[in-house]
Amino acid sequence: MHRHFKLYKPYGYLSQFITNQRTRRNKRLLGELYDFPENTMAIGRLDEDSEGLLLLTTDGKVSAEITGRGVEKEYYVQVDGEVTQEAIKQLRSGVEIGINGKKYMTNSCEVIHLDIPPVFPPRSKPIRGSRHGPTSWISVTLTEGKFRQVKKMTAAVGFPTLRLVRVRIGNEFLSNMEPGEVEEVNQFSC
């Protein structure tokens, strides 16, 4: 019988369970957060310095179904500076970023300025202080997921990402989970 989990991946963890030769030994892995069953895999990934909703399963078919269907993923992104409407318009239309040394044009996506900053638990490594200038928050919803895509997109329009939190995958939400919290579910509603 397969098992499925929702996890609030904290900042500073890799989205994997075992280290490989390219991964340094001092990296923090998902297995430190919970006693997951053997053969548990992350459905997609979040960078070590990103946080938020991560789905895990022991069923490879479920993983392939969710990653292969173009399921929406929503991120709340804190950027350096007061984001402009022009930058939001560019992000919505798609921007050119680099992927594996090649130029890539991102698909159009939904981008919204968050007038009220979201409230998340403090990160283990604090975001820079207000003395370094203003920051702002946007919501970015994608159906694709290239390596560090959201960070590359915001940098391409002149507003580097300071904090990135995935809040939704399909119909699964981060809701009020705390960093490191794991919730076992019967199935995913993606």
C-alpha atoms as a PDB file:
ATOM      1  CA  MET A   1       0.000   0.000   0.000  1.00  0.00           C
ATOM      2  CA  HIS A   2       1.460   3.338  -1.094  1.00  0.00           C
ATOM      3  CA  ARG A   3       1.700   6.344   1.222  1.00  0.00           C
ATOM      4  CA  HIS A   4       1.536  10.071   0.453  1.00  0.00           C
ATOM      5  CA  PHE A   5       2.724  13.100   2.435  1.00  0.00           C
ATOM      6  CA  LYS A   6       2.613  16.891   2.444  1.00  0.00           C
ATOM      7  CA  LEU A   7       5.667  18.594   3.908  1.00  0.00           C
ATOM      8  CA  TYR A   8       6.535  22.198   4.698  1.00  0.00           C
ATOM      9  CA  LYS A   9      10.151  21.983   3.524  1.00  0.00           C
ATOM     10  CA  PRO A  10      12.189  24.332   5.687  1.00  0.00           C
ATOM     11  CA  TYR A  11      14.926  26.608   4.429  1.00  0.00           C
ATOM     12  CA  GLY A  12      18.311  24.840   4.338  1.00  0.00           C
ATOM     13  CA  TYR A  13      17.164  21.327   3.398  1.00  0.00           C
ATOM     14  CA  LEU A  14      17.717  19.485   0.138  1.00  0.00           C
ATOM     15  CA  SER A  15      14.658  17.916  -1.531  1.00  0.00           C
ATOM     16  CA  GLN A  16      16.178  14.429  -1.331  1.00  0.00           C
ATOM     17  CA  PHE A  17      16.758  11.566   1.070  1.00  0.00           C
ATOM     18  CA  ILE A  18      20.229  10.305   0.278  1.00  0.00           C
ATOM     19  CA  THR A  19      23.396  12.108  -0.674  1.00  0.00           C
ATOM     20  CA  ASN A  20      25.201  11.418  -3.899  1.00  0.00           C
ATOM     21  CA  GLN A  21      28.844  12.006  -4.695  1.00  0.00           C
ATOM     22  CA  ARG A  22      28.163  15.591  -5.812  1.00  0.00           C
ATOM     23  CA  THR A  23      26.371  16.420  -2.546  1.00  0.00           C
ATOM     24  CA  ARG A  24      28.476  17.404   0.423  1.00  0.00           C
ATOM     25  CA  ARG A  25      28.027  15.320   3.551  1.00  0.00           C
ATOM     26  CA  ASN A  26      27.019  18.261   5.741  1.00  0.00           C
ATOM     27  CA  LYS A  27      23.783  18.933   3.827  1.00  0.00           C
ATOM     28  CA  ARG A  28      20.444  18.512   5.589  1.00  0.00           C
ATOM     29  CA  LEU A  29      18.092  15.969   4.005  1.00  0.00           C
ATOM     30  CA  LEU A  30      14.337  15.320   4.199  1.00  0.00           C
ATOM     31  CA  GLY A  31      14.806  12.068   6.144  1.00  0.00           C
ATOM     32  CA  GLU A  32      15.917  14.133   9.157  1.00  0.00           C
ATOM     33  CA  LEU A  33      12.424  15.650   9.426  1.00  0.00           C
ATOM     34  CA  TYR A  34      10.266  12.507   9.696  1.00  0.00           C
ATOM     35  CA  ASP A  35      10.458   8.717   9.652  1.00  0.00           C
ATOM     36  CA  PHE A  36       9.352   8.321   6.036  1.00  0.00           C
ATOM     37  CA  PRO A  37       8.803   4.803   4.679  1.00  0.00           C
ATOM     38  CA  GLU A  38      11.390   3.251   2.399  1.00  0.00           C
ATOM     39  CA  ASN A  39      11.197   4.352  -1.255  1.00  0.00           C
ATOM     40  CA  THR A  40       9.629   7.732  -0.457  1.00  0.00           C
ATOM     41  CA  MET A  41      10.372  10.274  -3.179  1.00  0.00           C
ATOM     42  CA  ALA A  42       9.796  14.008  -3.552  1.00  0.00           C
ATOM     43  CA  ILE A  43       7.391  15.000  -6.330  1.00  0.00           C
ATOM     44  CA  GLY A  44       9.396  17.820  -7.875  1.00  0.00           C
ATOM     45  CA  ARG A  45      11.925  19.799  -5.907  1.00  0.00           C
ATOM     46  CA  LEU A  46      12.558  22.986  -4.017  1.00  0.00           C
ATOM     47  CA  ASP A  47      16.061  24.475  -3.858  1.00  0.00           C
ATOM     48  CA  GLU A  48      17.981  24.296  -0.602  1.00  0.00           C
ATOM     49  CA  ASP A  49      17.303  27.990   0.012  1.00  0.00           C
ATOM     50  CA  SER A  50      13.615  27.778  -0.962  1.00  0.00           C
ATOM     51  CA  GLU A  51      10.848  26.623   1.340  1.00  0.00           C
ATOM     52  CA  GLY A  52       7.229  25.614   1.369  1.00  0.00           C
ATOM     53  CA  LEU A  53       4.953  22.858   0.132  1.00  0.00           C
ATOM     54  CA  LEU A  54       6.581  19.656  -1.064  1.00  0.00           C
ATOM     55  CA  LEU A  55       4.589  16.531  -1.913  1.00  0.00           C
ATOM     56  CA  LEU A  56       6.118  13.105  -1.255  1.00  0.00           C
ATOM     57  CA  THR A  57       4.968   9.626  -2.204  1.00  0.00           C
ATOM     58  CA  THR A  58       6.052   6.000  -2.362  1.00  0.00           C
ATOM     59  CA  ASP A  59       4.160   5.645  -5.683  1.00  0.00           C
ATOM     60  CA  GLY A  60       6.229   6.457  -8.769  1.00  0.00           C
ATOM     61  CA  LYS A  61       3.091   6.529 -10.947  1.00  0.00           C
ATOM     62  CA  VAL A  62       1.572   9.296  -8.812  1.00  0.00           C
ATOM     63  CA  SER A  63       4.826  11.227  -8.971  1.00  0.00           C
ATOM     64  CA  ALA A  64       5.013  10.941 -12.779  1.00  0.00           C
ATOM     65  CA  GLU A  65       1.345  11.890 -13.140  1.00  0.00           C
ATOM     66  CA  ILE A  66       1.706  15.084 -11.101  1.00  0.00           C
ATOM     67  CA  THR A  67       5.015  16.202 -12.642  1.00  0.00           C
ATOM     68  CA  GLY A  68       3.987  15.320 -16.195  1.00  0.00           C
ATOM     69  CA  ARG A  69       0.583  17.008 -16.298  1.00  0.00           C
ATOM     70  CA  GLY A  70       1.573  20.649 -16.020  1.00  0.00           C
ATOM     71  CA  VAL A  71      -0.049  21.064 -12.605  1.00  0.00           C
ATOM     72  CA  GLU A  72      -0.094  24.665 -11.326  1.00  0.00           C
ATOM     73  CA  LYS A  73       2.463  25.590  -8.694  1.00  0.00           C
ATOM     74  CA  GLU A  74       2.041  28.868  -6.800  1.00  0.00           C
ATOM     75  CA  TYR A  75       4.911  30.664  -5.087  1.00  0.00           C
ATOM     76  CA  TYR A  76       4.965  33.706  -2.822  1.00  0.00           C
ATOM     77  CA  VAL A  77       8.142  35.568  -3.656  1.00  0.00           C
ATOM     78  CA  GLN A  78       9.791  38.352  -1.675  1.00  0.00           C
ATOM     79  CA  VAL A  79      11.846  40.476  -4.052  1.00  0.00           C
ATOM     80  CA  ASP A  80      14.464  43.167  -3.572  1.00  0.00           C
ATOM     81  CA  GLY A  81      12.866  46.575  -4.161  1.00  0.00           C
ATOM     82  CA  GLU A  82       9.356  47.837  -4.865  1.00  0.00           C
ATOM     83  CA  VAL A  83       8.269  45.682  -7.809  1.00  0.00           C
ATOM     84  CA  THR A  84       6.857  47.695 -10.713  1.00  0.00           C
ATOM     85  CA  GLN A  85       3.779  47.032 -12.834  1.00  0.00           C
ATOM     86  CA  GLU A  86       6.079  46.888 -15.860  1.00  0.00           C
ATOM     87  CA  ALA A  87       8.102  44.061 -14.249  1.00  0.00           C
ATOM     88  CA  ILE A  88       4.874  42.199 -13.387  1.00  0.00           C
ATOM     89  CA  LYS A  89       3.680  42.595 -16.983  1.00  0.00           C
ATOM     90  CA  GLN A  90       7.003  41.211 -18.277  1.00  0.00           C
ATOM     91  CA  LEU A  91       6.826  38.219 -15.916  1.00  0.00           C
ATOM     92  CA  ARG A  92       3.240  37.476 -16.999  1.00  0.00           C
ATOM     93  CA  SER A  93       4.209  37.514 -20.682  1.00  0.00           C
ATOM     94  CA  GLY A  94       7.307  35.366 -20.223  1.00  0.00           C
ATOM     95  CA  VAL A  95      10.941  36.337 -19.907  1.00  0.00           C
ATOM     96  CA  GLU A  96      14.193  34.976 -21.269  1.00  0.00           C
ATOM     97  CA  ILE A  97      16.304  33.053 -18.774  1.00  0.00           C
ATOM     98  CA  GLY A  98      19.276  30.714 -19.031  1.00  0.00           C
ATOM     99  CA  ILE A  99      18.790  26.956 -18.623  1.00  0.00           C
ATOM    100  CA  ASN A 100      21.833  24.667 -18.936  1.00  0.00           C
ATOM    101  CA  GLY A 101      23.757  27.359 -20.815  1.00  0.00           C
ATOM    102  CA  LYS A 102      20.960  27.934 -23.352  1.00  0.00           C
ATOM    103  CA  LYS A 103      18.437  30.739 -23.638  1.00  0.00           C
ATOM    104  CA  TYR A 104      14.895  29.788 -22.674  1.00  0.00           C
ATOM    105  CA  MET A 105      11.682  31.816 -22.944  1.00  0.00           C
ATOM    106  CA  THR A 106       9.354  31.093 -20.027  1.00  0.00           C
ATOM    107  CA  ASN A 107       5.679  30.441 -20.659  1.00  0.00           C
ATOM    108  CA  SER A 108       3.149  33.098 -19.783  1.00  0.00           C
ATOM    109  CA  CYS A 109       2.043  32.820 -16.177  1.00  0.00           C
ATOM    110  CA  GLU A 110      -0.061  34.476 -13.515  1.00  0.00           C
ATOM    111  CA  VAL A 111       1.699  37.147 -11.444  1.00  0.00           C
ATOM    112  CA  ILE A 112       0.001  39.263  -8.795  1.00  0.00           C
ATOM    113  CA  HIS A 113       1.436  41.966  -6.523  1.00  0.00           C
ATOM    114  CA  LEU A 114       0.612  41.093  -2.898  1.00  0.00           C
ATOM    115  CA  ASP A 115      -0.449  44.362  -1.275  1.00  0.00           C
ATOM    116  CA  ILE A 116      -0.395  42.753   2.165  1.00  0.00           C
ATOM    117  CA  PRO A 117       2.816  40.794   2.782  1.00  0.00           C
ATOM    118  CA  PRO A 118       2.154  37.156   3.699  1.00  0.00           C
ATOM    119  CA  VAL A 119       3.060  36.008   7.191  1.00  0.00           C
ATOM    120  CA  PHE A 120       5.409  33.047   7.377  1.00  0.00           C
ATOM    121  CA  PRO A 121       7.394  31.721  10.332  1.00  0.00           C
ATOM    122  CA  PRO A 122      10.828  33.340  10.616  1.00  0.00           C
ATOM    123  CA  ARG A 123      13.452  31.641   8.495  1.00  0.00           C
ATOM    124  CA  SER A 124      16.452  29.985  10.150  1.00  0.00           C
ATOM    125  CA  LYS A 125      18.671  32.424   8.236  1.00  0.00           C
ATOM    126  CA  PRO A 126      17.058  35.864   8.406  1.00  0.00           C
ATOM    127  CA  ILE A 127      16.288  37.898   5.300  1.00  0.00           C
ATOM    128  CA  ARG A 128      18.348  41.075   5.121  1.00  0.00           C
ATOM    129  CA  GLY A 129      17.194  44.004   7.259  1.00  0.00           C
ATOM    130  CA  SER A 130      15.060  46.962   6.157  1.00  0.00           C
ATOM    131  CA  ARG A 131      18.134  49.226   6.284  1.00  0.00           C
ATOM    132  CA  HIS A 132      19.099  47.669   2.921  1.00  0.00           C
ATOM    133  CA  GLY A 133      16.030  49.155   1.243  1.00  0.00           C
ATOM    134  CA  PRO A 134      12.443  48.125   0.585  1.00  0.00           C
ATOM    135  CA  THR A 135      11.188  44.713  -0.454  1.00  0.00           C
ATOM    136  CA  SER A 136       7.876  43.598  -1.917  1.00  0.00           C
ATOM    137  CA  TRP A 137       5.940  40.364  -2.395  1.00  0.00           C
ATOM    138  CA  ILE A 138       4.400  38.828  -5.501  1.00  0.00           C
ATOM    139  CA  SER A 139       2.495  35.635  -6.216  1.00  0.00           C
ATOM    140  CA  VAL A 140       3.766  33.658  -9.229  1.00  0.00           C
ATOM    141  CA  THR A 141       1.748  30.705 -10.576  1.00  0.00           C
ATOM    142  CA  LEU A 142       3.462  28.432 -13.123  1.00  0.00           C
ATOM    143  CA  THR A 143       2.715  25.165 -14.879  1.00  0.00           C
ATOM    144  CA  GLU A 144       6.364  24.543 -15.754  1.00  0.00           C
ATOM    145  CA  GLY A 145       9.299  24.083 -13.431  1.00  0.00           C
ATOM    146  CA  LYS A 146      12.766  24.686 -14.803  1.00  0.00           C
ATOM    147  CA  PHE A 147      15.834  24.787 -12.542  1.00  0.00           C
ATOM    148  CA  ARG A 148      15.610  27.887 -10.288  1.00  0.00           C
ATOM    149  CA  GLN A 149      13.046  29.291 -12.711  1.00  0.00           C
ATOM    150  CA  VAL A 150      11.227  31.761 -10.454  1.00  0.00           C
ATOM    151  CA  LYS A 151      14.494  33.204  -9.125  1.00  0.00           C
ATOM    152  CA  LYS A 152      15.862  33.579 -12.650  1.00  0.00           C
ATOM    153  CA  MET A 153      12.618  35.209 -13.791  1.00  0.00           C
ATOM    154  CA  THR A 154      12.551  37.858 -11.057  1.00  0.00           C
ATOM    155  CA  ALA A 155      16.255  38.604 -11.578  1.00  0.00           C
ATOM    156  CA  ALA A 156      15.630  38.990 -15.343  1.00  0.00           C
ATOM    157  CA  VAL A 157      13.195  41.854 -14.668  1.00  0.00           C
ATOM    158  CA  GLY A 158      15.488  43.554 -12.143  1.00  0.00           C
ATOM    159  CA  PHE A 159      13.998  42.321  -8.856  1.00  0.00           C
ATOM    160  CA  PRO A 160      16.130  39.517  -7.372  1.00  0.00           C
ATOM    161  CA  THR A 161      14.378  36.983  -5.139  1.00  0.00           C
ATOM    162  CA  LEU A 162      15.117  37.231  -1.425  1.00  0.00           C
ATOM    163  CA  ARG A 163      12.694  34.566  -0.181  1.00  0.00           C
ATOM    164  CA  LEU A 164      10.664  31.977  -2.087  1.00  0.00           C
ATOM    165  CA  VAL A 165       7.848  29.938  -0.505  1.00  0.00           C
ATOM    166  CA  ARG A 166       5.740  27.466  -2.502  1.00  0.00           C
ATOM    167  CA  VAL A 167       2.193  27.733  -1.178  1.00  0.00           C
ATOM    168  CA  ARG A 168       0.244  25.504  -3.589  1.00  0.00           C
ATOM    169  CA  ILE A 169       0.577  22.523  -5.933  1.00  0.00           C
ATOM    170  CA  GLY A 170      -2.680  21.939  -7.828  1.00  0.00           C
ATOM    171  CA  ASN A 171      -5.354  21.817  -5.121  1.00  0.00           C
ATOM    172  CA  GLU A 172      -2.927  21.024  -2.299  1.00  0.00           C
ATOM    173  CA  PHE A 173      -2.132  24.035  -0.096  1.00  0.00           C
ATOM    174  CA  LEU A 174       0.565  24.837   2.454  1.00  0.00           C
ATOM    175  CA  SER A 175      -2.153  26.376   4.640  1.00  0.00           C
ATOM    176  CA  ASN A 176      -1.058  26.807   8.264  1.00  0.00           C
ATOM    177  CA  MET A 177       1.680  24.180   8.303  1.00  0.00           C
ATOM    178  CA  GLU A 178       4.906  25.003  10.146  1.00  0.00           C
ATOM    179  CA  PRO A 179       8.419  24.457   8.729  1.00  0.00           C
ATOM    180  CA  GLY A 180       9.341  20.781   9.061  1.00  0.00           C
ATOM    181  CA  GLU A 181       5.722  19.701   9.616  1.00  0.00           C
ATOM    182  CA  VAL A 182       4.603  16.543   7.815  1.00  0.00           C
ATOM    183  CA  GLU A 183       1.005  15.560   7.128  1.00  0.00           C
ATOM    184  CA  GLU A 184       0.099  12.125   5.768  1.00  0.00           C
ATOM    185  CA  VAL A 185      -2.788  12.175   3.257  1.00  0.00           C
ATOM    186  CA  ASN A 186      -4.831   9.426   1.582  1.00  0.00           C
ATOM    187  CA  GLN A 187      -4.306  10.918  -1.882  1.00  0.00           C
ATOM    188  CA  PHE A 188      -3.400  14.191  -3.582  1.00  0.00           C
ATOM    189  CA  SER A 189      -6.026  16.443  -5.155  1.00  0.00           C
ATOM    190  CA  CYS A 190      -3.841  17.865  -7.903  1.00  0.00           C
END
